[in-house]
Amino acid sequence: MPRPLVSIMIPTYNQVEYLGEAIESALDQTYTPLEIVISDDASPNPDVITILDRYKNDPRISVYINRENLGRAKNYRTTLYERASGSWVINLDGDDFFYDSGFIERAMALVAGNPDVVMVTGRRLQRVEENQEFIENDRNQGPERVMSSEQAYQALLDEKYYYWHATTLYQRKIATGLDFYRYGMTATDDDSFLRLMGCGSVGVVPVWAAVWRKHASNASCNQSVREMIDNLRALEAPKDLLDHPLSKVCPEFLTPWIRKHLANRVKPKVRELLKDRRSLSDYFLFVWAVMKISPSVGGMILFRPKNVLRVFRAPFVELYCRMEKKCS
């Protein structure tokens, strides 16, 4: 039988210094048949067009330039629903790049032997652009494997598995049926993959599949408290599976899992708000938003002794810093 077409989607906006490497890494993938779909979101920098013009004669590449800026999530959605034609797709942001040229080949080999798989994930490296340092993580280690939906959710909770955009190949038909990239928030990929995980088996190919660049323009590194609150919707997205016809997950498993996952994911945000923000109002806004989703998780955060201590200590620390600055 002919092998399925895979689409590599490259949404981009003004990523002039990184875009060429992203495209070249996509072209280096050994899997065939392959198409590369580039969607420029009306970049004002003319150098983006100069880069894209280099590839206009490559039959593997289709270039789309939006007439107006759609925004990150809508550009993802437009590319997936209207421009990609593969039965399997992967999203490579224009400032990231593939690290292992055989990743898609290995992922699709796993799919060929496991027809119930809906997504396959590899490992991800982080590169700090300021000093070019590579940072590893311990997610998605171990042997090549296929997990059931519940096993994948549990591995996510145990911090042994994670689905990064540039390392996750997924079924386009099921994704579009789940209303992928439905919200304009930063965590639209969280919202999408957390639901897709519940619709079939999840494969893991433990190779360094792609590199996420950490730089000053990363959307996920520059969130306001309002964006953090908006992103909470993604963490409760699996609730949609409780009565969804595609769901493979038992409701008795999923309901307590959502609560535990929410608690795990908001803890770092709480630490950030208490440590890095001068005003406590952001902290209380965030906790109140969590409490509306899960009173038990919100209460746990609010009355945790360490957090209570930080709240009471914060005004005194700020006063001390002001006095020290004035004296110096």
C-alpha atoms as a PDB file:
ATOM      1  CA  MET A   1       0.000   0.000   0.000  1.00  0.00           C
ATOM      2  CA  PRO A   2       1.201   3.572  -0.658  1.00  0.00           C
ATOM      3  CA  ARG A   3       2.572   5.374   2.362  1.00  0.00           C
ATOM      4  CA  PRO A   4       0.484   8.216   3.844  1.00  0.00           C
ATOM      5  CA  LEU A   5       1.350  11.789   2.917  1.00  0.00           C
ATOM      6  CA  VAL A   6       2.814  13.795   5.808  1.00  0.00           C
ATOM      7  CA  SER A   7       2.472  17.587   5.946  1.00  0.00           C
ATOM      8  CA  ILE A   8       5.015  19.680   7.816  1.00  0.00           C
ATOM      9  CA  MET A   9       3.265  22.946   8.651  1.00  0.00           C
ATOM     10  CA  ILE A  10       5.539  25.954   9.203  1.00  0.00           C
ATOM     11  CA  PRO A  11       3.576  28.975  10.475  1.00  0.00           C
ATOM     12  CA  THR A  12       5.794  32.033  10.697  1.00  0.00           C
ATOM     13  CA  TYR A  13       5.743  35.720  11.501  1.00  0.00           C
ATOM     14  CA  ASN A  14       8.808  37.948  11.176  1.00  0.00           C
ATOM     15  CA  GLN A  15      11.199  35.108  12.136  1.00  0.00           C
ATOM     16  CA  VAL A  16      13.827  36.180   9.633  1.00  0.00           C
ATOM     17  CA  GLU A  17      16.905  34.965  11.496  1.00  0.00           C
ATOM     18  CA  TYR A  18      15.447  31.499  12.134  1.00  0.00           C
ATOM     19  CA  LEU A  19      13.078  30.688   9.262  1.00  0.00           C
ATOM     20  CA  GLY A  20      15.684  29.397   6.807  1.00  0.00           C
ATOM     21  CA  GLU A  21      16.983  26.816   9.279  1.00  0.00           C
ATOM     22  CA  ALA A  22      13.437  25.650  10.030  1.00  0.00           C
ATOM     23  CA  ILE A  23      12.710  25.091   6.329  1.00  0.00           C
ATOM     24  CA  GLU A  24      16.030  23.348   5.673  1.00  0.00           C
ATOM     25  CA  SER A  25      15.476  21.004   8.622  1.00  0.00           C
ATOM     26  CA  ALA A  26      12.068  20.092   7.184  1.00  0.00           C
ATOM     27  CA  LEU A  27      13.603  19.392   3.782  1.00  0.00           C
ATOM     28  CA  ASP A  28      16.177  17.131   5.461  1.00  0.00           C
ATOM     29  CA  GLN A  29      13.491  14.743   6.766  1.00  0.00           C
ATOM     30  CA  THR A  30      14.010  11.364   5.087  1.00  0.00           C
ATOM     31  CA  TYR A  31      10.344  10.333   4.987  1.00  0.00           C
ATOM     32  CA  THR A  32       8.414  10.354   1.719  1.00  0.00           C
ATOM     33  CA  PRO A  33       5.855  11.365   0.552  1.00  0.00           C
ATOM     34  CA  LEU A  34       6.218  14.712   2.274  1.00  0.00           C
ATOM     35  CA  GLU A  35       4.883  18.219   1.756  1.00  0.00           C
ATOM     36  CA  ILE A  36       5.979  21.414   3.503  1.00  0.00           C
ATOM     37  CA  VAL A  37       3.313  24.064   3.948  1.00  0.00           C
ATOM     38  CA  ILE A  38       4.603  27.513   4.937  1.00  0.00           C
ATOM     39  CA  SER A  39       2.076  30.084   6.153  1.00  0.00           C
ATOM     40  CA  ASP A  40       3.462  33.578   6.635  1.00  0.00           C
ATOM     41  CA  ASP A  41       1.145  35.660   8.789  1.00  0.00           C
ATOM     42  CA  ALA A  42       1.542  38.950   6.876  1.00  0.00           C
ATOM     43  CA  SER A  43       5.060  39.645   8.149  1.00  0.00           C
ATOM     44  CA  PRO A  44       5.932  43.345   7.730  1.00  0.00           C
ATOM     45  CA  ASN A  45       9.640  42.540   7.334  1.00  0.00           C
ATOM     46  CA  PRO A  46      10.347  42.216   3.570  1.00  0.00           C
ATOM     47  CA  ASP A  47      13.295  39.910   4.282  1.00  0.00           C
ATOM     48  CA  VAL A  48      10.798  37.133   5.038  1.00  0.00           C
ATOM     49  CA  ILE A  49       9.660  37.185   1.403  1.00  0.00           C
ATOM     50  CA  THR A  50      13.286  37.126   0.286  1.00  0.00           C
ATOM     51  CA  ILE A  51      13.806  33.902   2.251  1.00  0.00           C
ATOM     52  CA  LEU A  52      10.602  32.317   0.973  1.00  0.00           C
ATOM     53  CA  ASP A  53      11.479  33.164  -2.640  1.00  0.00           C
ATOM     54  CA  ARG A  54      14.432  30.775  -2.414  1.00  0.00           C
ATOM     55  CA  TYR A  55      12.016  27.857  -2.181  1.00  0.00           C
ATOM     56  CA  LYS A  56       9.317  28.842  -4.674  1.00  0.00           C
ATOM     57  CA  ASN A  57      10.497  26.288  -7.254  1.00  0.00           C
ATOM     58  CA  ASP A  58      10.771  23.335  -4.875  1.00  0.00           C
ATOM     59  CA  PRO A  59       7.835  20.982  -5.613  1.00  0.00           C
ATOM     60  CA  ARG A  60       7.746  19.807  -1.994  1.00  0.00           C
ATOM     61  CA  ILE A  61       6.997  23.307  -0.696  1.00  0.00           C
ATOM     62  CA  SER A  62       3.822  25.388  -0.807  1.00  0.00           C
ATOM     63  CA  VAL A  63       4.037  28.995   0.378  1.00  0.00           C
ATOM     64  CA  TYR A  64       1.030  30.978   1.566  1.00  0.00           C
ATOM     65  CA  ILE A  65       1.137  34.632   2.608  1.00  0.00           C
ATOM     66  CA  ASN A  66      -1.860  35.844   4.589  1.00  0.00           C
ATOM     67  CA  ARG A  67      -3.378  39.089   3.340  1.00  0.00           C
ATOM     68  CA  GLU A  68      -3.829  40.252   6.914  1.00  0.00           C
ATOM     69  CA  ASN A  69      -2.392  39.147  10.234  1.00  0.00           C
ATOM     70  CA  LEU A  70      -4.496  36.297  11.627  1.00  0.00           C
ATOM     71  CA  GLY A  71      -2.640  35.812  14.881  1.00  0.00           C
ATOM     72  CA  ARG A  72      -0.763  32.742  16.039  1.00  0.00           C
ATOM     73  CA  ALA A  73      -3.621  30.327  16.724  1.00  0.00           C
ATOM     74  CA  LYS A  74      -5.722  31.271  13.698  1.00  0.00           C
ATOM     75  CA  ASN A  75      -2.693  30.889  11.447  1.00  0.00           C
ATOM     76  CA  TYR A  76      -2.219  27.376  12.882  1.00  0.00           C
ATOM     77  CA  ARG A  77      -5.864  26.584  12.252  1.00  0.00           C
ATOM     78  CA  THR A  78      -5.974  27.976   8.731  1.00  0.00           C
ATOM     79  CA  THR A  79      -2.871  25.996   7.800  1.00  0.00           C
ATOM     80  CA  LEU A  80      -4.258  22.756   9.235  1.00  0.00           C
ATOM     81  CA  TYR A  81      -7.804  23.043   7.865  1.00  0.00           C
ATOM     82  CA  GLU A  82      -7.293  24.770   4.517  1.00  0.00           C
ATOM     83  CA  ARG A  83      -3.704  24.297   3.355  1.00  0.00           C
ATOM     84  CA  ALA A  84      -2.246  20.999   4.573  1.00  0.00           C
ATOM     85  CA  SER A  85      -3.374  17.917   2.671  1.00  0.00           C
ATOM     86  CA  GLY A  86      -1.482  15.119   4.444  1.00  0.00           C
ATOM     87  CA  SER A  87      -3.313  12.509   6.484  1.00  0.00           C
ATOM     88  CA  TRP A  88      -0.623  13.092   9.132  1.00  0.00           C
ATOM     89  CA  VAL A  89       0.713  16.524  10.090  1.00  0.00           C
ATOM     90  CA  ILE A  90       3.269  18.133  12.358  1.00  0.00           C
ATOM     91  CA  ASN A  91       3.579  21.808  13.288  1.00  0.00           C
ATOM     92  CA  LEU A  92       7.070  23.335  13.197  1.00  0.00           C
ATOM     93  CA  ASP A  93       7.039  26.981  14.237  1.00  0.00           C
ATOM     94  CA  GLY A  94       9.245  29.186  12.079  1.00  0.00           C
ATOM     95  CA  ASP A  95      11.743  29.767  14.883  1.00  0.00           C
ATOM     96  CA  ASP A  96      12.264  26.057  15.705  1.00  0.00           C
ATOM     97  CA  PHE A  97      13.938  23.271  13.732  1.00  0.00           C
ATOM     98  CA  PHE A  98      14.064  19.488  13.434  1.00  0.00           C
ATOM     99  CA  TYR A  99      17.104  17.902  15.058  1.00  0.00           C
ATOM    100  CA  ASP A 100      16.766  14.292  13.882  1.00  0.00           C
ATOM    101  CA  SER A 101      16.255  13.936  10.132  1.00  0.00           C
ATOM    102  CA  GLY A 102      14.792  10.458  10.581  1.00  0.00           C
ATOM    103  CA  PHE A 103      12.173  11.344  13.184  1.00  0.00           C
ATOM    104  CA  ILE A 104       9.143  11.379  10.868  1.00  0.00           C
ATOM    105  CA  GLU A 105      10.362   8.167   9.200  1.00  0.00           C
ATOM    106  CA  ARG A 106      10.492   6.391  12.567  1.00  0.00           C
ATOM    107  CA  ALA A 107       7.206   7.884  13.736  1.00  0.00           C
ATOM    108  CA  MET A 108       5.387   6.728  10.613  1.00  0.00           C
ATOM    109  CA  ALA A 109       6.905   3.247  10.914  1.00  0.00           C
ATOM    110  CA  LEU A 110       5.357   3.071  14.392  1.00  0.00           C
ATOM    111  CA  VAL A 111       2.030   4.232  12.964  1.00  0.00           C
ATOM    112  CA  ALA A 112       2.155   1.549  10.243  1.00  0.00           C
ATOM    113  CA  GLY A 113       2.255  -1.185  12.873  1.00  0.00           C
ATOM    114  CA  ASN A 114      -0.327   0.402  15.164  1.00  0.00           C
ATOM    115  CA  PRO A 115      -3.402   1.663  13.291  1.00  0.00           C
ATOM    116  CA  ASP A 116      -5.112   2.909  16.473  1.00  0.00           C
ATOM    117  CA  VAL A 117      -2.378   5.509  17.115  1.00  0.00           C
ATOM    118  CA  VAL A 118      -3.575   9.128  16.832  1.00  0.00           C
ATOM    119  CA  MET A 119      -0.310  10.919  17.697  1.00  0.00           C
ATOM    120  CA  VAL A 120       3.406  10.113  17.953  1.00  0.00           C
ATOM    121  CA  THR A 121       5.804  12.201  20.011  1.00  0.00           C
ATOM    122  CA  GLY A 122       9.583  12.466  20.185  1.00  0.00           C
ATOM    123  CA  ARG A 123      11.901  14.245  22.592  1.00  0.00           C
ATOM    124  CA  ARG A 124      12.655  17.976  22.524  1.00  0.00           C
ATOM    125  CA  LEU A 125      15.810  19.970  23.098  1.00  0.00           C
ATOM    126  CA  GLN A 126      15.736  23.580  24.241  1.00  0.00           C
ATOM    127  CA  ARG A 127      18.341  26.016  22.968  1.00  0.00           C
ATOM    128  CA  VAL A 128      18.946  29.309  24.725  1.00  0.00           C
ATOM    129  CA  GLU A 129      19.718  31.713  21.895  1.00  0.00           C
ATOM    130  CA  GLU A 130      21.556  34.137  24.143  1.00  0.00           C
ATOM    131  CA  ASN A 131      24.446  31.700  24.659  1.00  0.00           C
ATOM    132  CA  GLN A 132      23.554  28.854  22.230  1.00  0.00           C
ATOM    133  CA  GLU A 133      23.340  26.413  25.148  1.00  0.00           C
ATOM    134  CA  PHE A 134      21.360  23.198  24.642  1.00  0.00           C
ATOM    135  CA  ILE A 135      19.201  22.054  27.571  1.00  0.00           C
ATOM    136  CA  GLU A 136      17.892  18.501  27.780  1.00  0.00           C
ATOM    137  CA  ASN A 137      14.849  17.220  29.649  1.00  0.00           C
ATOM    138  CA  ASP A 138      13.854  13.759  30.826  1.00  0.00           C
ATOM    139  CA  ARG A 139      10.419  13.461  29.171  1.00  0.00           C
ATOM    140  CA  ASN A 140       9.677  10.733  26.595  1.00  0.00           C
ATOM    141  CA  GLN A 141      12.645   8.563  27.516  1.00  0.00           C
ATOM    142  CA  GLY A 142      12.737   4.763  27.427  1.00  0.00           C
ATOM    143  CA  PRO A 143      12.002   2.329  24.610  1.00  0.00           C
ATOM    144  CA  GLU A 144       9.937   3.071  21.543  1.00  0.00           C
ATOM    145  CA  ARG A 145       6.381   2.291  22.621  1.00  0.00           C
ATOM    146  CA  VAL A 146       2.642   2.735  22.228  1.00  0.00           C
ATOM    147  CA  MET A 147       0.480   3.757  25.201  1.00  0.00           C
ATOM    148  CA  SER A 148      -3.257   3.664  25.651  1.00  0.00           C
ATOM    149  CA  SER A 149      -4.990   6.990  26.260  1.00  0.00           C
ATOM    150  CA  GLU A 150      -5.120   6.407  30.002  1.00  0.00           C
ATOM    151  CA  GLN A 151      -1.465   5.336  30.114  1.00  0.00           C
ATOM    152  CA  ALA A 152      -0.485   8.498  28.236  1.00  0.00           C
ATOM    153  CA  TYR A 153      -2.502  10.719  30.582  1.00  0.00           C
ATOM    154  CA  GLN A 154      -0.890   9.037  33.582  1.00  0.00           C
ATOM    155  CA  ALA A 155       2.601   9.419  32.083  1.00  0.00           C
ATOM    156  CA  LEU A 156       1.858  13.120  31.571  1.00  0.00           C
ATOM    157  CA  LEU A 157       0.788  13.417  35.201  1.00  0.00           C
ATOM    158  CA  ASP A 158       3.949  11.568  36.322  1.00  0.00           C
ATOM    159  CA  GLU A 159       6.069  13.969  34.203  1.00  0.00           C
ATOM    160  CA  LYS A 160       7.387  11.125  32.049  1.00  0.00           C
ATOM    161  CA  TYR A 161       5.617  12.199  28.846  1.00  0.00           C
ATOM    162  CA  TYR A 162       4.906  15.470  27.048  1.00  0.00           C
ATOM    163  CA  TYR A 163       3.584  16.519  23.618  1.00  0.00           C
ATOM    164  CA  TRP A 164       5.588  19.426  22.192  1.00  0.00           C
ATOM    165  CA  HIS A 165       4.352  20.939  18.959  1.00  0.00           C
ATOM    166  CA  ALA A 166       7.514  20.393  16.929  1.00  0.00           C
ATOM    167  CA  THR A 167       7.931  16.812  18.148  1.00  0.00           C
ATOM    168  CA  THR A 168       4.344  15.581  17.762  1.00  0.00           C
ATOM    169  CA  LEU A 169       2.998  14.043  14.574  1.00  0.00           C
ATOM    170  CA  TYR A 170      -0.781  13.652  14.579  1.00  0.00           C
ATOM    171  CA  GLN A 171      -3.751  12.499  12.509  1.00  0.00           C
ATOM    172  CA  ARG A 172      -5.233  15.449  10.646  1.00  0.00           C
ATOM    173  CA  LYS A 173      -8.739  13.996  10.174  1.00  0.00           C
ATOM    174  CA  ILE A 174      -9.260  13.336  13.884  1.00  0.00           C
ATOM    175  CA  ALA A 175      -7.671  16.671  14.823  1.00  0.00           C
ATOM    176  CA  THR A 176     -10.002  18.658  12.584  1.00  0.00           C
ATOM    177  CA  GLY A 177     -12.949  16.681  13.959  1.00  0.00           C
ATOM    178  CA  LEU A 178     -11.902  17.794  17.454  1.00  0.00           C
ATOM    179  CA  ASP A 179     -11.885  21.484  16.487  1.00  0.00           C
ATOM    180  CA  PHE A 180      -8.093  21.883  16.794  1.00  0.00           C
ATOM    181  CA  TYR A 181      -6.687  25.341  17.583  1.00  0.00           C
ATOM    182  CA  ARG A 182     -10.162  26.574  18.501  1.00  0.00           C
ATOM    183  CA  TYR A 183      -8.995  29.313  20.891  1.00  0.00           C
ATOM    184  CA  GLY A 184      -6.683  32.256  20.339  1.00  0.00           C
ATOM    185  CA  MET A 185      -4.743  31.687  23.567  1.00  0.00           C
ATOM    186  CA  THR A 186      -1.033  30.863  23.851  1.00  0.00           C
ATOM    187  CA  ALA A 187      -1.854  27.364  25.089  1.00  0.00           C
ATOM    188  CA  THR A 188      -4.004  26.439  22.084  1.00  0.00           C
ATOM    189  CA  ASP A 189      -1.711  23.445  21.435  1.00  0.00           C
ATOM    190  CA  ASP A 190      -2.299  22.254  25.038  1.00  0.00           C
ATOM    191  CA  ASP A 191      -6.042  22.486  24.532  1.00  0.00           C
ATOM    192  CA  SER A 192      -5.783  20.517  21.282  1.00  0.00           C
ATOM    193  CA  PHE A 193      -3.374  17.748  22.267  1.00  0.00           C
ATOM    194  CA  LEU A 194      -4.953  17.131  25.672  1.00  0.00           C
ATOM    195  CA  ARG A 195      -8.168  16.226  23.869  1.00  0.00           C
ATOM    196  CA  LEU A 196      -6.500  14.259  21.061  1.00  0.00           C
ATOM    197  CA  MET A 197      -4.710  12.045  23.610  1.00  0.00           C
ATOM    198  CA  GLY A 198      -8.077  10.709  24.710  1.00  0.00           C
ATOM    199  CA  CYS A 199      -9.103   9.560  21.232  1.00  0.00           C
ATOM    200  CA  GLY A 200      -6.652   6.724  20.630  1.00  0.00           C
ATOM    201  CA  SER A 201      -3.232   5.314  21.376  1.00  0.00           C
ATOM    202  CA  VAL A 202      -0.173   7.543  21.759  1.00  0.00           C
ATOM    203  CA  GLY A 203       3.215   6.567  20.352  1.00  0.00           C
ATOM    204  CA  VAL A 204       6.624   7.602  21.658  1.00  0.00           C
ATOM    205  CA  VAL A 205       9.799   7.620  19.553  1.00  0.00           C
ATOM    206  CA  PRO A 206      12.569   8.505  22.031  1.00  0.00           C
ATOM    207  CA  VAL A 207      14.876  10.520  19.753  1.00  0.00           C
ATOM    208  CA  TRP A 208      15.746  14.216  19.961  1.00  0.00           C
ATOM    209  CA  ALA A 209      13.194  15.152  17.333  1.00  0.00           C
ATOM    210  CA  ALA A 210      13.315  18.954  17.370  1.00  0.00           C
ATOM    211  CA  VAL A 211      14.763  22.039  19.012  1.00  0.00           C
ATOM    212  CA  TRP A 212      12.737  24.800  20.640  1.00  0.00           C
ATOM    213  CA  ARG A 213      14.600  28.081  20.661  1.00  0.00           C
ATOM    214  CA  LYS A 214      14.268  30.170  23.790  1.00  0.00           C
ATOM    215  CA  HIS A 215      14.561  33.844  22.917  1.00  0.00           C
ATOM    216  CA  ALA A 216      13.107  37.191  23.879  1.00  0.00           C
ATOM    217  CA  SER A 217      10.183  36.959  21.427  1.00  0.00           C
ATOM    218  CA  ASN A 218       8.754  33.599  22.568  1.00  0.00           C
ATOM    219  CA  ALA A 219       5.030  34.004  23.139  1.00  0.00           C
ATOM    220  CA  SER A 220       5.066  31.458  25.966  1.00  0.00           C
ATOM    221  CA  CYS A 221       7.809  33.346  27.843  1.00  0.00           C
ATOM    222  CA  ASN A 222       6.098  36.720  27.914  1.00  0.00           C
ATOM    223  CA  GLN A 223       2.686  36.060  29.411  1.00  0.00           C
ATOM    224  CA  SER A 224       0.646  38.551  31.371  1.00  0.00           C
ATOM    225  CA  VAL A 225      -1.513  37.309  34.227  1.00  0.00           C
ATOM    226  CA  ARG A 226      -4.553  37.705  31.965  1.00  0.00           C
ATOM    227  CA  GLU A 227      -2.941  35.353  29.434  1.00  0.00           C
ATOM    228  CA  MET A 228      -2.129  32.888  32.206  1.00  0.00           C
ATOM    229  CA  ILE A 229      -5.766  32.919  33.265  1.00  0.00           C
ATOM    230  CA  ASP A 230      -6.949  32.527  29.672  1.00  0.00           C
ATOM    231  CA  ASN A 231      -4.654  29.501  29.280  1.00  0.00           C
ATOM    232  CA  LEU A 232      -6.357  27.740  32.189  1.00  0.00           C
ATOM    233  CA  ARG A 233      -9.101  26.747  29.751  1.00  0.00           C
ATOM    234  CA  ALA A 234      -6.643  24.399  28.078  1.00  0.00           C
ATOM    235  CA  LEU A 235      -6.023  22.481  31.295  1.00  0.00           C
ATOM    236  CA  GLU A 236      -9.682  21.541  31.650  1.00  0.00           C
ATOM    237  CA  ALA A 237     -10.074  20.752  27.932  1.00  0.00           C
ATOM    238  CA  PRO A 238     -10.307  16.959  28.494  1.00  0.00           C
ATOM    239  CA  LYS A 239     -13.725  17.582  30.101  1.00  0.00           C
ATOM    240  CA  ASP A 240     -15.005  17.783  26.523  1.00  0.00           C
ATOM    241  CA  LEU A 241     -14.206  14.077  26.149  1.00  0.00           C
ATOM    242  CA  LEU A 242     -16.587  12.971  28.899  1.00  0.00           C
ATOM    243  CA  ASP A 243     -19.425  12.677  26.394  1.00  0.00           C
ATOM    244  CA  HIS A 244     -17.507  12.786  23.085  1.00  0.00           C
ATOM    245  CA  PRO A 245     -18.082   9.930  20.598  1.00  0.00           C
ATOM    246  CA  LEU A 246     -14.345   9.689  19.800  1.00  0.00           C
ATOM    247  CA  SER A 247     -13.278   9.347  23.425  1.00  0.00           C
ATOM    248  CA  LYS A 248     -11.463   6.191  24.522  1.00  0.00           C
ATOM    249  CA  VAL A 249     -11.141   7.258  28.154  1.00  0.00           C
ATOM    250  CA  CYS A 250     -13.234   6.137  31.100  1.00  0.00           C
ATOM    251  CA  PRO A 251     -14.930   9.130  32.812  1.00  0.00           C
ATOM    252  CA  GLU A 252     -14.095   7.639  36.221  1.00  0.00           C
ATOM    253  CA  PHE A 253     -10.420   7.967  35.301  1.00  0.00           C
ATOM    254  CA  LEU A 254     -10.587  11.319  33.551  1.00  0.00           C
ATOM    255  CA  THR A 255     -12.436  13.423  36.143  1.00  0.00           C
ATOM    256  CA  PRO A 256      -9.908  13.061  39.004  1.00  0.00           C
ATOM    257  CA  TRP A 257      -7.049  13.195  36.489  1.00  0.00           C
ATOM    258  CA  ILE A 258      -8.115  16.672  35.310  1.00  0.00           C
ATOM    259  CA  ARG A 259      -8.033  17.950  38.887  1.00  0.00           C
ATOM    260  CA  LYS A 260      -4.567  16.498  39.569  1.00  0.00           C
ATOM    261  CA  HIS A 261      -3.197  17.784  36.256  1.00  0.00           C
ATOM    262  CA  LEU A 262      -4.564  21.265  36.929  1.00  0.00           C
ATOM    263  CA  ALA A 263      -2.828  21.297  40.322  1.00  0.00           C
ATOM    264  CA  ASN A 264       0.498  20.224  38.785  1.00  0.00           C
ATOM    265  CA  ARG A 265       0.402  22.803  36.023  1.00  0.00           C
ATOM    266  CA  VAL A 266      -0.604  25.835  38.100  1.00  0.00           C
ATOM    267  CA  LYS A 267       2.027  25.356  40.817  1.00  0.00           C
ATOM    268  CA  PRO A 268       4.905  26.838  38.752  1.00  0.00           C
ATOM    269  CA  LYS A 269       2.717  29.785  37.734  1.00  0.00           C
ATOM    270  CA  VAL A 270       1.898  30.466  41.373  1.00  0.00           C
ATOM    271  CA  ARG A 271       5.580  30.427  42.288  1.00  0.00           C
ATOM    272  CA  GLU A 272       6.298  32.823  39.432  1.00  0.00           C
ATOM    273  CA  LEU A 273       3.583  35.237  40.488  1.00  0.00           C
ATOM    274  CA  LEU A 274       4.672  35.234  44.119  1.00  0.00           C
ATOM    275  CA  LYS A 275       8.361  35.497  43.339  1.00  0.00           C
ATOM    276  CA  ASP A 276       8.618  37.818  40.362  1.00  0.00           C
ATOM    277  CA  ARG A 277       5.656  40.187  40.620  1.00  0.00           C
ATOM    278  CA  ARG A 278       5.624  43.205  42.936  1.00  0.00           C
ATOM    279  CA  SER A 279       1.862  43.373  43.130  1.00  0.00           C
ATOM    280  CA  LEU A 280      -0.036  40.595  44.894  1.00  0.00           C
ATOM    281  CA  SER A 281      -3.170  41.439  42.932  1.00  0.00           C
ATOM    282  CA  ASP A 282      -1.985  39.285  39.996  1.00  0.00           C
ATOM    283  CA  TYR A 283      -1.532  36.335  42.341  1.00  0.00           C
ATOM    284  CA  PHE A 284      -5.023  36.632  43.792  1.00  0.00           C
ATOM    285  CA  LEU A 285      -6.575  37.110  40.341  1.00  0.00           C
ATOM    286  CA  PHE A 286      -4.916  33.901  39.174  1.00  0.00           C
ATOM    287  CA  VAL A 287      -5.890  31.889  42.261  1.00  0.00           C
ATOM    288  CA  TRP A 288      -9.489  33.108  41.980  1.00  0.00           C
ATOM    289  CA  ALA A 289      -9.576  31.934  38.345  1.00  0.00           C
ATOM    290  CA  VAL A 290      -8.241  28.513  39.387  1.00  0.00           C
ATOM    291  CA  MET A 291     -10.820  28.326  42.180  1.00  0.00           C
ATOM    292  CA  LYS A 292     -13.660  28.874  39.695  1.00  0.00           C
ATOM    293  CA  ILE A 293     -12.455  25.818  37.775  1.00  0.00           C
ATOM    294  CA  SER A 294     -11.678  23.681  40.818  1.00  0.00           C
ATOM    295  CA  PRO A 295     -12.431  24.984  44.342  1.00  0.00           C
ATOM    296  CA  SER A 296     -10.315  22.218  45.853  1.00  0.00           C
ATOM    297  CA  VAL A 297      -7.225  23.085  43.782  1.00  0.00           C
ATOM    298  CA  GLY A 298      -7.705  26.831  44.338  1.00  0.00           C
ATOM    299  CA  GLY A 299      -8.106  26.312  48.070  1.00  0.00           C
ATOM    300  CA  MET A 300      -5.018  24.116  48.197  1.00  0.00           C
ATOM    301  CA  ILE A 301      -2.986  26.919  46.584  1.00  0.00           C
ATOM    302  CA  LEU A 302      -4.463  29.682  48.698  1.00  0.00           C
ATOM    303  CA  PHE A 303      -3.938  27.969  52.060  1.00  0.00           C
ATOM    304  CA  ARG A 304      -0.651  26.236  51.347  1.00  0.00           C
ATOM    305  CA  PRO A 305       1.649  27.362  54.229  1.00  0.00           C
ATOM    306  CA  LYS A 306       4.502  28.391  51.908  1.00  0.00           C
ATOM    307  CA  ASN A 307       2.182  30.548  49.822  1.00  0.00           C
ATOM    308  CA  VAL A 308       0.587  32.142  52.870  1.00  0.00           C
ATOM    309  CA  LEU A 309       4.055  33.009  54.186  1.00  0.00           C
ATOM    310  CA  ARG A 310       5.094  34.517  50.860  1.00  0.00           C
ATOM    311  CA  VAL A 311       1.948  36.644  50.721  1.00  0.00           C
ATOM    312  CA  PHE A 312       2.544  38.098  54.190  1.00  0.00           C
ATOM    313  CA  ARG A 313       6.258  38.539  53.579  1.00  0.00           C
ATOM    314  CA  ALA A 314       5.967  40.266  50.184  1.00  0.00           C
ATOM    315  CA  PRO A 315       5.175  43.832  51.429  1.00  0.00           C
ATOM    316  CA  PHE A 316       8.107  43.746  53.850  1.00  0.00           C
ATOM    317  CA  VAL A 317      10.513  42.507  51.170  1.00  0.00           C
ATOM    318  CA  GLU A 318       9.390  45.275  48.827  1.00  0.00           C
ATOM    319  CA  LEU A 319       9.784  47.883  51.579  1.00  0.00           C
ATOM    320  CA  TYR A 320      13.275  46.616  52.374  1.00  0.00           C
ATOM    321  CA  CYS A 321      14.295  46.796  48.691  1.00  0.00           C
ATOM    322  CA  ARG A 322      13.033  50.373  48.433  1.00  0.00           C
ATOM    323  CA  MET A 323      14.955  51.451  51.542  1.00  0.00           C
ATOM    324  CA  GLU A 324      18.123  49.732  50.369  1.00  0.00           C
ATOM    325  CA  LYS A 325      17.863  51.426  46.995  1.00  0.00           C
ATOM    326  CA  LYS A 326      17.250  54.807  48.610  1.00  0.00           C
ATOM    327  CA  CYS A 327      20.249  54.405  50.933  1.00  0.00           C
ATOM    328  CA  SER A 328      22.537  53.399  48.093  1.00  0.00           C
END
